[in-house]
Amino acid sequence: MEDLSHQCCYNHELREAVARCPECSNYFCRECITEHDDRVLCASCLNDLLINPGSPPPRLNYITQIALSLFGILTLWVFFYYLGQALLLLPSSFHEGTLWQTDWGAGK
């Protein structure tokens, strides 16, 4: 691997390169690079990034949020449904209420 100080700009052969684009791996001078989202990119890679962004469109994000919310509500409903079914399976002697009629504070 060659040192950066020995590289020339990809677009300007007589200028010294100051950075390497992480997308295309070419070396560029100060005029040919720019900073975008805390990364140094060349103009052509930045143009490609802006034309074809890697993130889904905002409308798809809203649809995803709605779908996840509905999934969460369905999950909670199923959980509480089966919790109620489990409570119904308890014997009726448990539900007589004698536990709550005792005087716990008297210490008998």
PDB file of N, CA and C in Angstrom:
ATOM      1  N   MET A   1       0.843  -1.178   0.000  1.00  0.00           N
ATOM      2  CA  MET A   1       0.000   0.000   0.000  1.00  0.00           C
ATOM      3  C   MET A   1       0.888   1.241   0.000  1.00  0.00           C
ATOM      4  N   GLU A   2       0.587   2.137  -0.914  1.00  0.00           N
ATOM      5  CA  GLU A   2       1.401   3.338  -1.030  1.00  0.00           C
ATOM      6  C   GLU A   2       0.970   4.375  -0.013  1.00  0.00           C
ATOM      7  N   ASP A   3       1.932   5.204   0.397  1.00  0.00           N
ATOM      8  CA  ASP A   3       1.681   6.265   1.355  1.00  0.00           C
ATOM      9  C   ASP A   3       0.879   7.386   0.698  1.00  0.00           C
ATOM     10  N   LEU A   4       0.040   8.078   1.479  1.00  0.00           N
ATOM     11  CA  LEU A   4      -0.799   9.152   0.953  1.00  0.00           C
ATOM     12  C   LEU A   4       0.038  10.298   0.407  1.00  0.00           C
ATOM     13  N   SER A   5       1.191  10.540   1.002  1.00  0.00           N
ATOM     14  CA  SER A   5       2.025  11.665   0.557  1.00  0.00           C
ATOM     15  C   SER A   5       2.601  11.454  -0.841  1.00  0.00           C
ATOM     16  N   HIS A   6       2.589  10.234  -1.325  1.00  0.00           N
ATOM     17  CA  HIS A   6       3.113   9.946  -2.657  1.00  0.00           C
ATOM     18  C   HIS A   6       2.012   9.841  -3.706  1.00  0.00           C
ATOM     19  N   GLN A   7       0.794  10.120  -3.350  1.00  0.00           N
ATOM     20  CA  GLN A   7      -0.331   9.989  -4.265  1.00  0.00           C
ATOM     21  C   GLN A   7      -0.674  11.323  -4.913  1.00  0.00           C
ATOM     22  N   CYS A   8      -1.227  11.248  -6.120  1.00  0.00           N
ATOM     23  CA  CYS A   8      -1.717  12.422  -6.829  1.00  0.00           C
ATOM     24  C   CYS A   8      -3.228  12.354  -6.915  1.00  0.00           C
ATOM     25  N   CYS A   9      -3.837  13.498  -7.136  1.00  0.00           N
ATOM     26  CA  CYS A   9      -5.287  13.583  -7.225  1.00  0.00           C
ATOM     27  C   CYS A   9      -5.784  12.786  -8.432  1.00  0.00           C
ATOM     28  N   TYR A  10      -6.890  12.136  -8.265  1.00  0.00           N
ATOM     29  CA  TYR A  10      -7.485  11.332  -9.335  1.00  0.00           C
ATOM     30  C   TYR A  10      -7.933  12.214 -10.501  1.00  0.00           C
ATOM     31  N   ASN A  11      -8.428  13.425 -10.193  1.00  0.00           N
ATOM     32  CA  ASN A  11      -8.904  14.341 -11.233  1.00  0.00           C
ATOM     33  C   ASN A  11      -7.835  15.310 -11.721  1.00  0.00           C
ATOM     34  N   HIS A  12      -6.900  15.675 -10.862  1.00  0.00           N
ATOM     35  CA  HIS A  12      -5.837  16.622 -11.202  1.00  0.00           C
ATOM     36  C   HIS A  12      -4.496  15.938 -10.970  1.00  0.00           C
ATOM     37  N   GLU A  13      -3.863  15.515 -12.031  1.00  0.00           N
ATOM     38  CA  GLU A  13      -2.646  14.696 -11.926  1.00  0.00           C
ATOM     39  C   GLU A  13      -1.447  15.450 -11.342  1.00  0.00           C
ATOM     40  N   LEU A  14      -1.453  16.769 -11.391  1.00  0.00           N
ATOM     41  CA  LEU A  14      -0.314  17.538 -10.903  1.00  0.00           C
ATOM     42  C   LEU A  14      -0.467  17.961  -9.443  1.00  0.00           C
ATOM     43  N   ARG A  15      -1.605  17.673  -8.825  1.00  0.00           N
ATOM     44  CA  ARG A  15      -1.840  18.072  -7.434  1.00  0.00           C
ATOM     45  C   ARG A  15      -1.652  16.884  -6.487  1.00  0.00           C
ATOM     46  N   GLU A  16      -1.187  17.231  -5.308  1.00  0.00           N
ATOM     47  CA  GLU A  16      -0.976  16.208  -4.280  1.00  0.00           C
ATOM     48  C   GLU A  16      -2.315  15.815  -3.658  1.00  0.00           C
ATOM     49  N   ALA A  17      -2.494  14.534  -3.413  1.00  0.00           N
ATOM     50  CA  ALA A  17      -3.721  14.040  -2.788  1.00  0.00           C
ATOM     51  C   ALA A  17      -3.664  14.281  -1.287  1.00  0.00           C
ATOM     52  N   VAL A  18      -4.819  14.652  -0.723  1.00  0.00           N
ATOM     53  CA  VAL A  18      -4.885  14.898   0.712  1.00  0.00           C
ATOM     54  C   VAL A  18      -5.834  13.931   1.414  1.00  0.00           C
ATOM     55  N   ALA A  19      -6.643  13.209   0.654  1.00  0.00           N
ATOM     56  CA  ALA A  19      -7.594  12.284   1.272  1.00  0.00           C
ATOM     57  C   ALA A  19      -7.940  11.179   0.287  1.00  0.00           C
ATOM     58  N   ARG A  20      -8.437  10.110   0.851  1.00  0.00           N
ATOM     59  CA  ARG A  20      -8.878   8.973   0.044  1.00  0.00           C
ATOM     60  C   ARG A  20     -10.376   8.772   0.289  1.00  0.00           C
ATOM     61  N   CYS A  21     -11.125   8.677  -0.761  1.00  0.00           N
ATOM     62  CA  CYS A  21     -12.573   8.489  -0.647  1.00  0.00           C
ATOM     63  C   CYS A  21     -12.849   7.055  -0.187  1.00  0.00           C
ATOM     64  N   PRO A  22     -13.616   6.870   0.880  1.00  0.00           N
ATOM     65  CA  PRO A  22     -13.885   5.510   1.362  1.00  0.00           C
ATOM     66  C   PRO A  22     -14.832   4.719   0.462  1.00  0.00           C
ATOM     67  N   GLU A  23     -15.575   5.403  -0.409  1.00  0.00           N
ATOM     68  CA  GLU A  23     -16.515   4.715  -1.291  1.00  0.00           C
ATOM     69  C   GLU A  23     -15.820   4.132  -2.525  1.00  0.00           C
ATOM     70  N   CYS A  24     -15.058   4.967  -3.234  1.00  0.00           N
ATOM     71  CA  CYS A  24     -14.422   4.513  -4.482  1.00  0.00           C
ATOM     72  C   CYS A  24     -12.944   4.187  -4.319  1.00  0.00           C
ATOM     73  N   SER A  25     -12.352   4.502  -3.182  1.00  0.00           N
ATOM     74  CA  SER A  25     -10.948   4.225  -2.851  1.00  0.00           C
ATOM     75  C   SER A  25      -9.952   4.979  -3.721  1.00  0.00           C
ATOM     76  N   ASN A  26     -10.351   6.082  -4.307  1.00  0.00           N
ATOM     77  CA  ASN A  26      -9.448   6.928  -5.084  1.00  0.00           C
ATOM     78  C   ASN A  26      -8.949   8.067  -4.213  1.00  0.00           C
ATOM     79  N   TYR A  27      -7.785   8.620  -4.589  1.00  0.00           N
ATOM     80  CA  TYR A  27      -7.179   9.730  -3.863  1.00  0.00           C
ATOM     81  C   TYR A  27      -7.580  11.041  -4.524  1.00  0.00           C
ATOM     82  N   PHE A  28      -7.785  12.101  -3.696  1.00  0.00           N
ATOM     83  CA  PHE A  28      -8.242  13.381  -4.225  1.00  0.00           C
ATOM     84  C   PHE A  28      -7.544  14.534  -3.529  1.00  0.00           C
ATOM     85  N   CYS A  29      -7.493  15.688  -4.234  1.00  0.00           N
ATOM     86  CA  CYS A  29      -6.943  16.912  -3.655  1.00  0.00           C
ATOM     87  C   CYS A  29      -8.028  17.628  -2.847  1.00  0.00           C
ATOM     88  N   ARG A  30      -7.677  18.767  -2.272  1.00  0.00           N
ATOM     89  CA  ARG A  30      -8.615  19.506  -1.416  1.00  0.00           C
ATOM     90  C   ARG A  30      -9.841  20.001  -2.177  1.00  0.00           C
ATOM     91  N   GLU A  31      -9.706  20.310  -3.433  1.00  0.00           N
ATOM     92  CA  GLU A  31     -10.826  20.833  -4.212  1.00  0.00           C
ATOM     93  C   GLU A  31     -11.821  19.736  -4.615  1.00  0.00           C
ATOM     94  N   CYS A  32     -11.402  18.519  -4.616  1.00  0.00           N
ATOM     95  CA  CYS A  32     -12.243  17.431  -5.129  1.00  0.00           C
ATOM     96  C   CYS A  32     -12.972  16.655  -4.037  1.00  0.00           C
ATOM     97  N   ILE A  33     -12.728  16.988  -2.786  1.00  0.00           N
ATOM     98  CA  ILE A  33     -13.384  16.256  -1.703  1.00  0.00           C
ATOM     99  C   ILE A  33     -14.294  17.186  -0.916  1.00  0.00           C
ATOM    100  N   THR A  34     -15.224  16.596  -0.207  1.00  0.00           N
ATOM    101  CA  THR A  34     -16.114  17.347   0.672  1.00  0.00           C
ATOM    102  C   THR A  34     -16.495  16.472   1.854  1.00  0.00           C
ATOM    103  N   GLU A  35     -16.919  17.122   2.925  1.00  0.00           N
ATOM    104  CA  GLU A  35     -17.325  16.382   4.116  1.00  0.00           C
ATOM    105  C   GLU A  35     -18.840  16.268   4.134  1.00  0.00           C
ATOM    106  N   HIS A  36     -19.321  15.065   4.342  1.00  0.00           N
ATOM    107  CA  HIS A  36     -20.766  14.808   4.403  1.00  0.00           C
ATOM    108  C   HIS A  36     -21.017  13.740   5.464  1.00  0.00           C
ATOM    109  N   ASP A  37     -21.842  14.066   6.464  1.00  0.00           N
ATOM    110  CA  ASP A  37     -22.161  13.141   7.555  1.00  0.00           C
ATOM    111  C   ASP A  37     -20.896  12.611   8.228  1.00  0.00           C
ATOM    112  N   ASP A  38     -19.975  13.519   8.530  1.00  0.00           N
ATOM    113  CA  ASP A  38     -18.713  13.185   9.208  1.00  0.00           C
ATOM    114  C   ASP A  38     -17.837  12.219   8.412  1.00  0.00           C
ATOM    115  N   ARG A  39     -17.984  12.225   7.103  1.00  0.00           N
ATOM    116  CA  ARG A  39     -17.134  11.420   6.217  1.00  0.00           C
ATOM    117  C   ARG A  39     -16.616  12.303   5.098  1.00  0.00           C
ATOM    118  N   VAL A  40     -15.422  12.044   4.646  1.00  0.00           N
ATOM    119  CA  VAL A  40     -14.847  12.776   3.524  1.00  0.00           C
ATOM    120  C   VAL A  40     -15.124  11.964   2.266  1.00  0.00           C
ATOM    121  N   LEU A  41     -15.858  12.568   1.314  1.00  0.00           N
ATOM    122  CA  LEU A  41     -16.234  11.878   0.087  1.00  0.00           C
ATOM    123  C   LEU A  41     -15.853  12.712  -1.120  1.00  0.00           C
ATOM    124  N   CYS A  42     -15.637  12.033  -2.248  1.00  0.00           N
ATOM    125  CA  CYS A  42     -15.410  12.757  -3.487  1.00  0.00           C
ATOM    126  C   CYS A  42     -16.761  13.216  -4.043  1.00  0.00           C
ATOM    127  N   ALA A  43     -16.726  14.109  -5.022  1.00  0.00           N
ATOM    128  CA  ALA A  43     -17.954  14.693  -5.562  1.00  0.00           C
ATOM    129  C   ALA A  43     -18.835  13.646  -6.245  1.00  0.00           C
ATOM    130  N   SER A  44     -18.245  12.720  -6.971  1.00  0.00           N
ATOM    131  CA  SER A  44     -19.061  11.726  -7.671  1.00  0.00           C
ATOM    132  C   SER A  44     -19.726  10.746  -6.698  1.00  0.00           C
ATOM    133  N   CYS A  45     -19.029  10.347  -5.643  1.00  0.00           N
ATOM    134  CA  CYS A  45     -19.638   9.455  -4.650  1.00  0.00           C
ATOM    135  C   CYS A  45     -20.710  10.178  -3.843  1.00  0.00           C
ATOM    136  N   LEU A  46     -20.486  11.474  -3.559  1.00  0.00           N
ATOM    137  CA  LEU A  46     -21.496  12.255  -2.869  1.00  0.00           C
ATOM    138  C   LEU A  46     -22.741  12.399  -3.731  1.00  0.00           C
ATOM    139  N   ASN A  47     -22.558  12.620  -5.024  1.00  0.00           N
ATOM    140  CA  ASN A  47     -23.686  12.719  -5.943  1.00  0.00           C
ATOM    141  C   ASN A  47     -24.454  11.401  -5.980  1.00  0.00           C
ATOM    142  N   ASP A  48     -23.759  10.286  -6.052  1.00  0.00           N
ATOM    143  CA  ASP A  48     -24.423   8.970  -6.042  1.00  0.00           C
ATOM    144  C   ASP A  48     -25.167   8.743  -4.736  1.00  0.00           C
ATOM    145  N   LEU A  49     -24.577   9.178  -3.632  1.00  0.00           N
ATOM    146  CA  LEU A  49     -25.203   9.013  -2.326  1.00  0.00           C
ATOM    147  C   LEU A  49     -26.474   9.842  -2.210  1.00  0.00           C
ATOM    148  N   LEU A  50     -26.464  11.045  -2.767  1.00  0.00           N
ATOM    149  CA  LEU A  50     -27.637  11.906  -2.697  1.00  0.00           C
ATOM    150  C   LEU A  50     -28.733  11.463  -3.661  1.00  0.00           C
ATOM    151  N   ILE A  51     -28.361  10.904  -4.799  1.00  0.00           N
ATOM    152  CA  ILE A  51     -29.355  10.428  -5.770  1.00  0.00           C
ATOM    153  C   ILE A  51     -29.969   9.112  -5.313  1.00  0.00           C
ATOM    154  N   ASN A  52     -29.152   8.193  -4.823  1.00  0.00           N
ATOM    155  CA  ASN A  52     -29.615   6.872  -4.378  1.00  0.00           C
ATOM    156  C   ASN A  52     -29.304   6.691  -2.902  1.00  0.00           C
ATOM    157  N   PRO A  53     -30.067   7.306  -2.021  1.00  0.00           N
ATOM    158  CA  PRO A  53     -29.764   7.153  -0.594  1.00  0.00           C
ATOM    159  C   PRO A  53     -29.990   5.722  -0.133  1.00  0.00           C
ATOM    160  N   GLY A  54     -29.224   5.315   0.853  1.00  0.00           N
ATOM    161  CA  GLY A  54     -29.326   3.947   1.359  1.00  0.00           C
ATOM    162  C   GLY A  54     -30.515   3.731   2.269  1.00  0.00           C
ATOM    163  N   SER A  55     -31.099   4.802   2.790  1.00  0.00           N
ATOM    164  CA  SER A  55     -32.232   4.647   3.691  1.00  0.00           C
ATOM    165  C   SER A  55     -33.536   4.603   2.899  1.00  0.00           C
ATOM    166  N   PRO A  56     -34.547   3.911   3.428  1.00  0.00           N
ATOM    167  CA  PRO A  56     -35.820   3.843   2.737  1.00  0.00           C
ATOM    168  C   PRO A  56     -36.517   5.205   2.741  1.00  0.00           C
ATOM    169  N   PRO A  57     -37.440   5.427   1.819  1.00  0.00           N
ATOM    170  CA  PRO A  57     -38.149   6.705   1.786  1.00  0.00           C
ATOM    171  C   PRO A  57     -38.957   6.922   3.059  1.00  0.00           C
ATOM    172  N   PRO A  58     -39.237   8.196   3.419  1.00  0.00           N
ATOM    173  CA  PRO A  58     -39.950   8.483   4.662  1.00  0.00           C
ATOM    174  C   PRO A  58     -41.321   7.821   4.744  1.00  0.00           C
ATOM    175  N   ARG A  59     -42.016   7.681   3.642  1.00  0.00           N
ATOM    176  CA  ARG A  59     -43.336   7.056   3.673  1.00  0.00           C
ATOM    177  C   ARG A  59     -43.237   5.616   4.162  1.00  0.00           C
ATOM    178  N   LEU A  60     -42.203   4.922   3.725  1.00  0.00           N
ATOM    179  CA  LEU A  60     -42.006   3.545   4.163  1.00  0.00           C
ATOM    180  C   LEU A  60     -41.706   3.500   5.656  1.00  0.00           C
ATOM    181  N   ASN A  61     -41.030   4.510   6.188  1.00  0.00           N
ATOM    182  CA  ASN A  61     -40.766   4.556   7.621  1.00  0.00           C
ATOM    183  C   ASN A  61     -42.062   4.655   8.406  1.00  0.00           C
ATOM    184  N   TYR A  62     -43.031   5.472   7.931  1.00  0.00           N
ATOM    185  CA  TYR A  62     -44.313   5.592   8.618  1.00  0.00           C
ATOM    186  C   TYR A  62     -45.080   4.283   8.578  1.00  0.00           C
ATOM    187  N   ILE A  63     -45.045   3.608   7.448  1.00  0.00           N
ATOM    188  CA  ILE A  63     -45.735   2.324   7.333  1.00  0.00           C
ATOM    189  C   ILE A  63     -45.108   1.306   8.283  1.00  0.00           C
ATOM    190  N   THR A  64     -43.792   1.320   8.380  1.00  0.00           N
ATOM    191  CA  THR A  64     -43.096   0.414   9.292  1.00  0.00           C
ATOM    192  C   THR A  64     -43.465   0.711  10.741  1.00  0.00           C
ATOM    193  N   GLN A  65     -43.541   1.985  11.116  1.00  0.00           N
ATOM    194  CA  GLN A  65     -43.915   2.347  12.479  1.00  0.00           C
ATOM    195  C   GLN A  65     -45.336   1.913  12.804  1.00  0.00           C
ATOM    196  N   ILE A  66     -46.241   2.085  11.864  1.00  0.00           N
ATOM    197  CA  ILE A  66     -47.627   1.653  12.089  1.00  0.00           C
ATOM    198  C   ILE A  66     -47.696   0.143  12.230  1.00  0.00           C
ATOM    199  N   ALA A  67     -46.971  -0.576  11.373  1.00  0.00           N
ATOM    200  CA  ALA A  67     -46.975  -2.041  11.441  1.00  0.00           C
ATOM    201  C   ALA A  67     -46.391  -2.525  12.770  1.00  0.00           C
ATOM    202  N   LEU A  68     -45.316  -1.907  13.227  1.00  0.00           N
ATOM    203  CA  LEU A  68     -44.723  -2.306  14.501  1.00  0.00           C
ATOM    204  C   LEU A  68     -45.646  -1.976  15.674  1.00  0.00           C
ATOM    205  N   SER A  69     -46.355  -0.860  15.600  1.00  0.00           N
ATOM    206  CA  SER A  69     -47.310  -0.521  16.657  1.00  0.00           C
ATOM    207  C   SER A  69     -48.448  -1.533  16.714  1.00  0.00           C
ATOM    208  N   LEU A  70     -48.978  -1.904  15.564  1.00  0.00           N
ATOM    209  CA  LEU A  70     -50.040  -2.904  15.527  1.00  0.00           C
ATOM    210  C   LEU A  70     -49.548  -4.258  16.037  1.00  0.00           C
ATOM    211  N   PHE A  71     -48.329  -4.609  15.695  1.00  0.00           N
ATOM    212  CA  PHE A  71     -47.750  -5.855  16.182  1.00  0.00           C
ATOM    213  C   PHE A  71     -47.609  -5.827  17.701  1.00  0.00           C
ATOM    214  N   GLY A  72     -47.189  -4.686  18.256  1.00  0.00           N
ATOM    215  CA  GLY A  72     -47.064  -4.558  19.702  1.00  0.00           C
ATOM    216  C   GLY A  72     -48.408  -4.679  20.402  1.00  0.00           C
ATOM    217  N   ILE A  73     -49.447  -4.054  19.849  1.00  0.00           N
ATOM    218  CA  ILE A  73     -50.787  -4.147  20.432  1.00  0.00           C
ATOM    219  C   ILE A  73     -51.289  -5.578  20.371  1.00  0.00           C
ATOM    220  N   LEU A  74     -51.074  -6.248  19.253  1.00  0.00           N
ATOM    221  CA  LEU A  74     -51.491  -7.649  19.120  1.00  0.00           C
ATOM    222  C   LEU A  74     -50.754  -8.539  20.117  1.00  0.00           C
ATOM    223  N   THR A  75     -49.461  -8.293  20.293  1.00  0.00           N
ATOM    224  CA  THR A  75     -48.678  -9.076  21.248  1.00  0.00           C
ATOM    225  C   THR A  75     -49.199  -8.889  22.672  1.00  0.00           C
ATOM    226  N   LEU A  76     -49.500  -7.646  23.047  1.00  0.00           N
ATOM    227  CA  LEU A  76     -50.051  -7.393  24.385  1.00  0.00           C
ATOM    228  C   LEU A  76     -51.417  -8.058  24.558  1.00  0.00           C
ATOM    229  N   TRP A  77     -52.244  -7.994  23.532  1.00  0.00           N
ATOM    230  CA  TRP A  77     -53.570  -8.599  23.612  1.00  0.00           C
ATOM    231  C   TRP A  77     -53.452 -10.118  23.819  1.00  0.00           C
ATOM    232  N   VAL A  78     -52.564 -10.763  23.062  1.00  0.00           N
ATOM    233  CA  VAL A  78     -52.368 -12.213  23.199  1.00  0.00           C
ATOM    234  C   VAL A  78     -51.839 -12.541  24.594  1.00  0.00           C
ATOM    235  N   PHE A  79     -50.899 -11.755  25.107  1.00  0.00           N
ATOM    236  CA  PHE A  79     -50.349 -11.984  26.438  1.00  0.00           C
ATOM    237  C   PHE A  79     -51.445 -11.922  27.506  1.00  0.00           C
ATOM    238  N   PHE A  80     -52.234 -10.854  27.487  1.00  0.00           N
ATOM    239  CA  PHE A  80     -53.268 -10.708  28.506  1.00  0.00           C
ATOM    240  C   PHE A  80     -54.404 -11.706  28.324  1.00  0.00           C
ATOM    241  N   TYR A  81     -54.683 -12.126  27.102  1.00  0.00           N
ATOM    242  CA  TYR A  81     -55.689 -13.148  26.864  1.00  0.00           C
ATOM    243  C   TYR A  81     -55.267 -14.460  27.534  1.00  0.00           C
ATOM    244  N   TYR A  82     -54.042 -14.875  27.292  1.00  0.00           N
ATOM    245  CA  TYR A  82     -53.575 -16.132  27.887  1.00  0.00           C
ATOM    246  C   TYR A  82     -53.359 -16.005  29.398  1.00  0.00           C
ATOM    247  N   LEU A  83     -53.056 -14.815  29.895  1.00  0.00           N
ATOM    248  CA  LEU A  83     -52.991 -14.603  31.334  1.00  0.00           C
ATOM    249  C   LEU A  83     -54.369 -14.802  31.950  1.00  0.00           C
ATOM    250  N   GLY A  84     -55.408 -14.272  31.322  1.00  0.00           N
ATOM    251  CA  GLY A  84     -56.777 -14.479  31.796  1.00  0.00           C
ATOM    252  C   GLY A  84     -57.182 -15.938  31.742  1.00  0.00           C
ATOM    253  N   GLN A  85     -56.790 -16.634  30.678  1.00  0.00           N
ATOM    254  CA  GLN A  85     -57.091 -18.057  30.572  1.00  0.00           C
ATOM    255  C   GLN A  85     -56.401 -18.847  31.686  1.00  0.00           C
ATOM    256  N   ALA A  86     -55.177 -18.467  32.024  1.00  0.00           N
ATOM    257  CA  ALA A  86     -54.454 -19.141  33.106  1.00  0.00           C
ATOM    258  C   ALA A  86     -55.131 -18.877  34.450  1.00  0.00           C
ATOM    259  N   LEU A  87     -55.624 -17.657  34.665  1.00  0.00           N
ATOM    260  CA  LEU A  87     -56.321 -17.361  35.911  1.00  0.00           C
ATOM    261  C   LEU A  87     -57.634 -18.122  36.011  1.00  0.00           C
ATOM    262  N   LEU A  88     -58.290 -18.354  34.882  1.00  0.00           N
ATOM    263  CA  LEU A  88     -59.533 -19.129  34.897  1.00  0.00           C
ATOM    264  C   LEU A  88     -59.284 -20.598  35.241  1.00  0.00           C
ATOM    265  N   LEU A  89     -58.087 -21.080  35.000  1.00  0.00           N
ATOM    266  CA  LEU A  89     -57.768 -22.482  35.291  1.00  0.00           C
ATOM    267  C   LEU A  89     -57.471 -22.719  36.776  1.00  0.00           C
ATOM    268  N   LEU A  90     -57.307 -21.649  37.551  1.00  0.00           N
ATOM    269  CA  LEU A  90     -57.063 -21.815  38.980  1.00  0.00           C
ATOM    270  C   LEU A  90     -58.304 -22.425  39.633  1.00  0.00           C
ATOM    271  N   PRO A  91     -58.142 -23.245  40.668  1.00  0.00           N
ATOM    272  CA  PRO A  91     -59.301 -23.871  41.317  1.00  0.00           C
ATOM    273  C   PRO A  91     -60.191 -22.821  41.995  1.00  0.00           C
ATOM    274  N   SER A  92     -61.473 -23.146  42.120  1.00  0.00           N
ATOM    275  CA  SER A  92     -62.422 -22.201  42.700  1.00  0.00           C
ATOM    276  C   SER A  92     -62.148 -21.966  44.180  1.00  0.00           C
ATOM    277  N   SER A  93     -61.492 -22.891  44.849  1.00  0.00           N
ATOM    278  CA  SER A  93     -61.174 -22.689  46.260  1.00  0.00           C
ATOM    279  C   SER A  93     -60.207 -21.507  46.442  1.00  0.00           C
ATOM    280  N   PHE A  94     -59.420 -21.239  45.454  1.00  0.00           N
ATOM    281  CA  PHE A  94     -58.516 -20.098  45.496  1.00  0.00           C
ATOM    282  C   PHE A  94     -59.295 -18.785  45.416  1.00  0.00           C
ATOM    283  N   HIS A  95     -60.455 -18.832  44.715  1.00  0.00           N
ATOM    284  CA  HIS A  95     -61.249 -17.628  44.485  1.00  0.00           C
ATOM    285  C   HIS A  95     -62.309 -17.381  45.552  1.00  0.00           C
ATOM    286  N   GLU A  96     -62.351 -18.138  46.639  1.00  0.00           N
ATOM    287  CA  GLU A  96     -63.401 -17.994  47.646  1.00  0.00           C
ATOM    288  C   GLU A  96     -63.310 -16.670  48.379  1.00  0.00           C
ATOM    289  N   GLY A  97     -62.185 -16.074  48.459  1.00  0.00           N
ATOM    290  CA  GLY A  97     -62.041 -14.785  49.108  1.00  0.00           C
ATOM    291  C   GLY A  97     -61.674 -14.890  50.572  1.00  0.00           C
ATOM    292  N   THR A  98     -61.414 -16.068  51.064  1.00  0.00           N
ATOM    293  CA  THR A  98     -61.067 -16.216  52.483  1.00  0.00           C
ATOM    294  C   THR A  98     -59.718 -15.601  52.793  1.00  0.00           C
ATOM    295  N   LEU A  99     -58.877 -15.511  51.834  1.00  0.00           N
ATOM    296  CA  LEU A  99     -57.561 -14.906  52.049  1.00  0.00           C
ATOM    297  C   LEU A  99     -57.701 -13.434  52.423  1.00  0.00           C
ATOM    298  N   TRP A 100     -58.660 -12.753  51.849  1.00  0.00           N
ATOM    299  CA  TRP A 100     -58.831 -11.315  52.078  1.00  0.00           C
ATOM    300  C   TRP A 100     -59.688 -11.022  53.312  1.00  0.00           C
ATOM    301  N   GLN A 101     -60.375 -12.026  53.842  1.00  0.00           N
ATOM    302  CA  GLN A 101     -61.227 -11.803  55.007  1.00  0.00           C
ATOM    303  C   GLN A 101     -60.471 -11.920  56.329  1.00  0.00           C
ATOM    304  N   THR A 102     -59.297 -12.473  56.314  1.00  0.00           N
ATOM    305  CA  THR A 102     -58.536 -12.617  57.556  1.00  0.00           C
ATOM    306  C   THR A 102     -58.005 -11.252  57.996  1.00  0.00           C
ATOM    307  N   ASP A 103     -57.830 -11.116  59.278  1.00  0.00           N
ATOM    308  CA  ASP A 103     -57.308  -9.886  59.839  1.00  0.00           C
ATOM    309  C   ASP A 103     -55.794 -10.011  59.970  1.00  0.00           C
ATOM    310  N   TRP A 104     -55.093  -9.538  59.008  1.00  0.00           N
ATOM    311  CA  TRP A 104     -53.637  -9.699  58.982  1.00  0.00           C
ATOM    312  C   TRP A 104     -52.954  -8.821  60.016  1.00  0.00           C
ATOM    313  N   GLY A 105     -53.497  -7.690  60.308  1.00  0.00           N
ATOM    314  CA  GLY A 105     -52.852  -6.747  61.221  1.00  0.00           C
ATOM    315  C   GLY A 105     -53.012  -7.124  62.682  1.00  0.00           C
ATOM    316  N   ALA A 106     -53.953  -7.998  63.023  1.00  0.00           N
ATOM    317  CA  ALA A 106     -54.199  -8.361  64.422  1.00  0.00           C
ATOM    318  C   ALA A 106     -53.137  -9.303  64.955  1.00  0.00           C
ATOM    319  N   GLY A 107     -52.487 -10.051  64.090  1.00  0.00           N
ATOM    320  CA  GLY A 107     -51.436 -10.972  64.508  1.00  0.00           C
ATOM    321  C   GLY A 107     -51.982 -12.228  65.143  1.00  0.00           C
ATOM    322  N   LYS A 108     -53.152 -12.674  64.779  1.00  0.00           N
ATOM    323  CA  LYS A 108     -53.745 -13.881  65.360  1.00  0.00           C
ATOM    324  C   LYS A 108     -53.127 -15.135  64.841  1.00  0.00           C
TER     325      LYS A 108
END
